[in-house]
Amino acid sequence: MPVAATYLVAAFAEIAGCFAFWAVFRLGRSVFWLAPGLAALVLFAYALTWVDAAAAGRAFAAYGGVYVAASLVWLWLVENVQPDRWDLIGGAICVLGAALVVMGPR
């Protein structure tokens, strides 16, 4: 699986898992939301092991930019809150930083 696809799987699994906890503890949803939330968090952690990287920290750092961008997509599509220009500028900076981590000369 391409690295970008792997990071997207990881990001949406992490966001979904964290959102399940948010839904229970902040939105008053049933505790039964926690089971799929935990499964999603396990998928997130496992998906990051699919990245072919010499160092876990570098893979995780690069993932961070993808996570921020995916969170803004989640904000818009799931929570129905349109990201503002500051969200978009901040997300772009994070993605640029992730690209530097991945593609920087070594």
N, C-alpha and C. Protein backbone atom coordinates (compact mmCIF):
# COMPACT_ATOMS: atom_id res chain seq x y z
N MET A 1 0.85 -1.17 0.00
CA MET A 1 0.00 0.00 0.00
C MET A 1 0.90 1.24 0.00
N PRO A 2 0.59 2.22 -0.83
CA PRO A 2 1.39 3.45 -0.85
C PRO A 2 1.38 4.15 0.52
N VAL A 3 2.45 4.86 0.81
CA VAL A 3 2.58 5.53 2.11
C VAL A 3 1.42 6.49 2.35
N ALA A 4 1.04 7.26 1.34
CA ALA A 4 -0.05 8.22 1.52
C ALA A 4 -1.34 7.51 1.92
N ALA A 5 -1.63 6.40 1.28
CA ALA A 5 -2.85 5.65 1.61
C ALA A 5 -2.76 5.08 3.03
N THR A 6 -1.59 4.60 3.39
CA THR A 6 -1.39 4.07 4.74
C THR A 6 -1.64 5.16 5.78
N TYR A 7 -1.09 6.34 5.53
CA TYR A 7 -1.30 7.44 6.47
C TYR A 7 -2.77 7.85 6.54
N LEU A 8 -3.47 7.81 5.43
CA LEU A 8 -4.89 8.15 5.44
C LEU A 8 -5.69 7.13 6.24
N VAL A 9 -5.39 5.84 6.07
CA VAL A 9 -6.06 4.80 6.86
C VAL A 9 -5.80 5.05 8.34
N ALA A 10 -4.53 5.29 8.67
CA ALA A 10 -4.16 5.52 10.08
C ALA A 10 -4.87 6.76 10.62
N ALA A 11 -4.89 7.82 9.86
CA ALA A 11 -5.49 9.07 10.34
C ALA A 11 -6.98 8.92 10.60
N PHE A 12 -7.70 8.35 9.65
CA PHE A 12 -9.14 8.24 9.87
C PHE A 12 -9.47 7.22 10.95
N ALA A 13 -8.64 6.19 11.11
CA ALA A 13 -8.85 5.25 12.22
C ALA A 13 -8.61 5.95 13.56
N GLU A 14 -7.54 6.74 13.63
CA GLU A 14 -7.27 7.45 14.89
C GLU A 14 -8.35 8.46 15.21
N ILE A 15 -8.76 9.21 14.22
CA ILE A 15 -9.79 10.22 14.44
C ILE A 15 -11.10 9.56 14.85
N ALA A 16 -11.48 8.49 14.16
CA ALA A 16 -12.72 7.79 14.51
C ALA A 16 -12.65 7.23 15.92
N GLY A 17 -11.51 6.65 16.29
CA GLY A 17 -11.36 6.12 17.63
C GLY A 17 -11.44 7.19 18.70
N CYS A 18 -10.76 8.28 18.48
CA CYS A 18 -10.80 9.39 19.44
C CYS A 18 -12.19 10.02 19.48
N PHE A 19 -12.83 10.12 18.32
CA PHE A 19 -14.18 10.70 18.29
C PHE A 19 -15.16 9.84 19.07
N ALA A 20 -14.98 8.52 19.07
CA ALA A 20 -15.86 7.65 19.84
C ALA A 20 -15.79 8.01 21.33
N PHE A 21 -14.58 8.25 21.82
CA PHE A 21 -14.43 8.66 23.22
C PHE A 21 -15.04 10.05 23.44
N TRP A 22 -14.82 10.95 22.51
CA TRP A 22 -15.41 12.29 22.58
C TRP A 22 -16.93 12.18 22.65
N ALA A 23 -17.49 11.32 21.80
CA ALA A 23 -18.95 11.15 21.76
C ALA A 23 -19.49 10.65 23.09
N VAL A 24 -18.79 9.72 23.72
CA VAL A 24 -19.26 9.19 25.00
C VAL A 24 -19.12 10.22 26.11
N PHE A 25 -17.94 10.81 26.23
CA PHE A 25 -17.66 11.66 27.38
C PHE A 25 -18.06 13.13 27.21
N ARG A 26 -18.22 13.58 25.97
CA ARG A 26 -18.59 14.98 25.77
C ARG A 26 -19.99 15.15 25.19
N LEU A 27 -20.44 14.15 24.44
CA LEU A 27 -21.75 14.27 23.80
C LEU A 27 -22.81 13.37 24.44
N GLY A 28 -22.40 12.61 25.46
CA GLY A 28 -23.35 11.78 26.20
C GLY A 28 -23.85 10.55 25.45
N ARG A 29 -23.09 10.08 24.46
CA ARG A 29 -23.50 8.88 23.72
C ARG A 29 -23.28 7.63 24.57
N SER A 30 -23.85 6.54 24.14
CA SER A 30 -23.76 5.26 24.84
C SER A 30 -22.31 4.80 24.96
N VAL A 31 -22.01 4.10 26.06
CA VAL A 31 -20.67 3.55 26.24
C VAL A 31 -20.35 2.50 25.18
N PHE A 32 -21.35 2.02 24.49
CA PHE A 32 -21.12 1.04 23.44
C PHE A 32 -20.35 1.63 22.25
N TRP A 33 -20.22 2.95 22.19
CA TRP A 33 -19.39 3.60 21.18
C TRP A 33 -17.91 3.29 21.42
N LEU A 34 -17.57 2.92 22.66
CA LEU A 34 -16.16 2.72 22.99
C LEU A 34 -15.56 1.47 22.33
N ALA A 35 -16.35 0.43 22.14
CA ALA A 35 -15.81 -0.80 21.53
C ALA A 35 -15.32 -0.55 20.10
N PRO A 36 -16.14 0.03 19.21
CA PRO A 36 -15.59 0.32 17.88
C PRO A 36 -14.50 1.39 17.94
N GLY A 37 -14.57 2.28 18.91
CA GLY A 37 -13.52 3.28 19.06
C GLY A 37 -12.18 2.63 19.40
N LEU A 38 -12.19 1.68 20.30
CA LEU A 38 -10.95 0.97 20.63
C LEU A 38 -10.43 0.17 19.44
N ALA A 39 -11.34 -0.47 18.71
CA ALA A 39 -10.93 -1.21 17.51
C ALA A 39 -10.28 -0.28 16.49
N ALA A 40 -10.84 0.91 16.33
CA ALA A 40 -10.27 1.88 15.39
C ALA A 40 -8.89 2.32 15.85
N LEU A 41 -8.70 2.51 17.15
CA LEU A 41 -7.39 2.91 17.65
C LEU A 41 -6.35 1.81 17.48
N VAL A 42 -6.77 0.56 17.60
CA VAL A 42 -5.86 -0.56 17.33
C VAL A 42 -5.48 -0.56 15.85
N LEU A 43 -6.46 -0.36 14.97
CA LEU A 43 -6.17 -0.29 13.53
C LEU A 43 -5.19 0.85 13.24
N PHE A 44 -5.40 1.99 13.87
CA PHE A 44 -4.50 3.14 13.69
C PHE A 44 -3.06 2.74 14.02
N ALA A 45 -2.84 2.17 15.19
CA ALA A 45 -1.48 1.82 15.60
C ALA A 45 -0.88 0.76 14.67
N TYR A 46 -1.69 -0.20 14.29
CA TYR A 46 -1.21 -1.25 13.40
C TYR A 46 -0.88 -0.68 12.02
N ALA A 47 -1.71 0.20 11.52
CA ALA A 47 -1.49 0.78 10.19
C ALA A 47 -0.16 1.52 10.11
N LEU A 48 0.24 2.19 11.17
CA LEU A 48 1.52 2.90 11.14
C LEU A 48 2.70 1.95 11.00
N THR A 49 2.52 0.69 11.38
CA THR A 49 3.62 -0.28 11.21
C THR A 49 3.79 -0.68 9.75
N TRP A 50 2.85 -0.34 8.88
CA TRP A 50 2.94 -0.67 7.46
C TRP A 50 3.90 0.26 6.72
N VAL A 51 4.23 1.40 7.32
CA VAL A 51 5.11 2.37 6.67
C VAL A 51 6.53 1.83 6.65
N ASP A 52 7.12 1.81 5.46
CA ASP A 52 8.49 1.35 5.31
C ASP A 52 9.43 2.52 5.63
N ALA A 53 9.83 2.59 6.88
CA ALA A 53 10.72 3.67 7.32
C ALA A 53 11.81 3.08 8.20
N ALA A 54 12.98 3.67 8.13
CA ALA A 54 14.11 3.19 8.92
C ALA A 54 13.92 3.50 10.41
N ALA A 55 13.14 4.53 10.72
CA ALA A 55 12.93 4.94 12.11
C ALA A 55 11.46 5.22 12.36
N ALA A 56 10.93 4.67 13.42
CA ALA A 56 9.51 4.87 13.75
C ALA A 56 9.20 6.35 13.97
N GLY A 57 10.11 7.05 14.64
CA GLY A 57 9.86 8.46 14.93
C GLY A 57 9.68 9.29 13.68
N ARG A 58 10.45 9.00 12.64
CA ARG A 58 10.31 9.74 11.39
C ARG A 58 8.97 9.42 10.73
N ALA A 59 8.57 8.16 10.76
CA ALA A 59 7.27 7.78 10.21
C ALA A 59 6.15 8.47 10.96
N PHE A 60 6.26 8.53 12.28
CA PHE A 60 5.23 9.17 13.10
C PHE A 60 5.20 10.68 12.88
N ALA A 61 6.37 11.29 12.74
CA ALA A 61 6.43 12.73 12.50
C ALA A 61 5.78 13.10 11.18
N ALA A 62 6.08 12.33 10.15
CA ALA A 62 5.47 12.60 8.84
C ALA A 62 3.97 12.39 8.90
N TYR A 63 3.54 11.39 9.65
CA TYR A 63 2.11 11.11 9.80
C TYR A 63 1.38 12.31 10.44
N GLY A 64 2.05 13.04 11.30
CA GLY A 64 1.41 14.15 12.00
C GLY A 64 0.78 15.16 11.07
N GLY A 65 1.44 15.49 9.99
CA GLY A 65 0.87 16.44 9.03
C GLY A 65 -0.37 15.90 8.36
N VAL A 66 -0.34 14.61 8.04
CA VAL A 66 -1.51 13.97 7.42
C VAL A 66 -2.67 13.96 8.41
N TYR A 67 -2.36 13.70 9.68
CA TYR A 67 -3.39 13.68 10.72
C TYR A 67 -4.10 15.03 10.82
N VAL A 68 -3.35 16.10 10.81
CA VAL A 68 -3.94 17.43 10.91
C VAL A 68 -4.88 17.69 9.72
N ALA A 69 -4.41 17.38 8.52
CA ALA A 69 -5.24 17.58 7.33
C ALA A 69 -6.49 16.71 7.38
N ALA A 70 -6.33 15.44 7.77
CA ALA A 70 -7.48 14.54 7.85
C ALA A 70 -8.46 15.01 8.93
N SER A 71 -7.96 15.58 10.00
CA SER A 71 -8.84 16.11 11.06
C SER A 71 -9.71 17.25 10.54
N LEU A 72 -9.14 18.06 9.67
CA LEU A 72 -9.93 19.16 9.09
C LEU A 72 -10.99 18.62 8.13
N VAL A 73 -10.67 17.56 7.41
CA VAL A 73 -11.68 16.92 6.55
C VAL A 73 -12.79 16.33 7.43
N TRP A 74 -12.41 15.68 8.52
CA TRP A 74 -13.39 15.13 9.47
C TRP A 74 -14.28 16.25 10.01
N LEU A 75 -13.67 17.35 10.41
CA LEU A 75 -14.40 18.51 10.93
C LEU A 75 -15.51 18.91 9.96
N TRP A 76 -15.16 18.95 8.69
CA TRP A 76 -16.08 19.40 7.66
C TRP A 76 -17.14 18.34 7.34
N LEU A 77 -16.72 17.10 7.09
CA LEU A 77 -17.64 16.07 6.61
C LEU A 77 -18.47 15.40 7.70
N VAL A 78 -17.88 15.21 8.88
CA VAL A 78 -18.59 14.49 9.94
C VAL A 78 -19.26 15.45 10.92
N GLU A 79 -18.54 16.51 11.29
CA GLU A 79 -19.08 17.44 12.27
C GLU A 79 -19.81 18.62 11.64
N ASN A 80 -19.79 18.69 10.32
CA ASN A 80 -20.49 19.74 9.57
C ASN A 80 -20.05 21.15 9.96
N VAL A 81 -18.76 21.30 10.22
CA VAL A 81 -18.19 22.61 10.52
C VAL A 81 -17.16 22.89 9.43
N GLN A 82 -17.40 23.92 8.64
CA GLN A 82 -16.47 24.23 7.55
C GLN A 82 -15.20 24.85 8.11
N PRO A 83 -14.04 24.28 7.75
CA PRO A 83 -12.78 24.87 8.21
C PRO A 83 -12.64 26.31 7.71
N ASP A 84 -12.12 27.18 8.57
CA ASP A 84 -11.92 28.57 8.14
C ASP A 84 -10.51 28.71 7.54
N ARG A 85 -10.18 29.91 7.13
CA ARG A 85 -8.90 30.10 6.45
C ARG A 85 -7.72 29.78 7.36
N TRP A 86 -7.85 30.01 8.66
CA TRP A 86 -6.75 29.72 9.58
C TRP A 86 -6.57 28.22 9.74
N ASP A 87 -7.67 27.48 9.74
CA ASP A 87 -7.57 26.02 9.75
C ASP A 87 -6.82 25.54 8.51
N LEU A 88 -7.19 26.08 7.36
CA LEU A 88 -6.60 25.65 6.10
C LEU A 88 -5.11 26.04 6.00
N ILE A 89 -4.79 27.25 6.44
CA ILE A 89 -3.38 27.68 6.43
C ILE A 89 -2.56 26.81 7.37
N GLY A 90 -3.07 26.59 8.57
CA GLY A 90 -2.36 25.74 9.53
C GLY A 90 -2.21 24.32 9.02
N GLY A 91 -3.26 23.78 8.41
CA GLY A 91 -3.17 22.44 7.83
C GLY A 91 -2.13 22.36 6.73
N ALA A 92 -2.09 23.38 5.88
CA ALA A 92 -1.10 23.40 4.79
C ALA A 92 0.32 23.44 5.34
N ILE A 93 0.54 24.21 6.39
CA ILE A 93 1.86 24.28 7.01
C ILE A 93 2.25 22.90 7.57
N CYS A 94 1.30 22.23 8.20
CA CYS A 94 1.59 20.90 8.75
C CYS A 94 1.91 19.89 7.66
N VAL A 95 1.15 19.92 6.56
CA VAL A 95 1.42 19.00 5.46
C VAL A 95 2.78 19.30 4.84
N LEU A 96 3.12 20.58 4.71
CA LEU A 96 4.44 20.94 4.20
C LEU A 96 5.53 20.41 5.12
N GLY A 97 5.34 20.55 6.42
CA GLY A 97 6.31 20.02 7.37
C GLY A 97 6.45 18.51 7.26
N ALA A 98 5.34 17.81 7.08
CA ALA A 98 5.40 16.36 6.91
C ALA A 98 6.16 16.00 5.64
N ALA A 99 5.94 16.77 4.58
CA ALA A 99 6.64 16.51 3.32
C ALA A 99 8.15 16.71 3.50
N LEU A 100 8.53 17.71 4.27
CA LEU A 100 9.97 17.94 4.53
C LEU A 100 10.59 16.77 5.29
N VAL A 101 9.86 16.24 6.25
CA VAL A 101 10.35 15.10 7.01
C VAL A 101 10.56 13.91 6.09
N VAL A 102 9.59 13.67 5.22
CA VAL A 102 9.65 12.50 4.33
C VAL A 102 10.69 12.67 3.23
N MET A 103 10.73 13.85 2.60
CA MET A 103 11.54 14.03 1.40
C MET A 103 12.86 14.76 1.61
N GLY A 104 13.13 15.16 2.85
CA GLY A 104 14.36 15.89 3.11
C GLY A 104 15.60 15.09 2.75
N PRO A 105 16.62 15.74 2.24
CA PRO A 105 17.84 15.01 1.88
C PRO A 105 18.55 14.49 3.13
N ARG A 106 19.00 13.28 3.04
CA ARG A 106 19.68 12.66 4.18
C ARG A 106 21.01 12.13 3.72
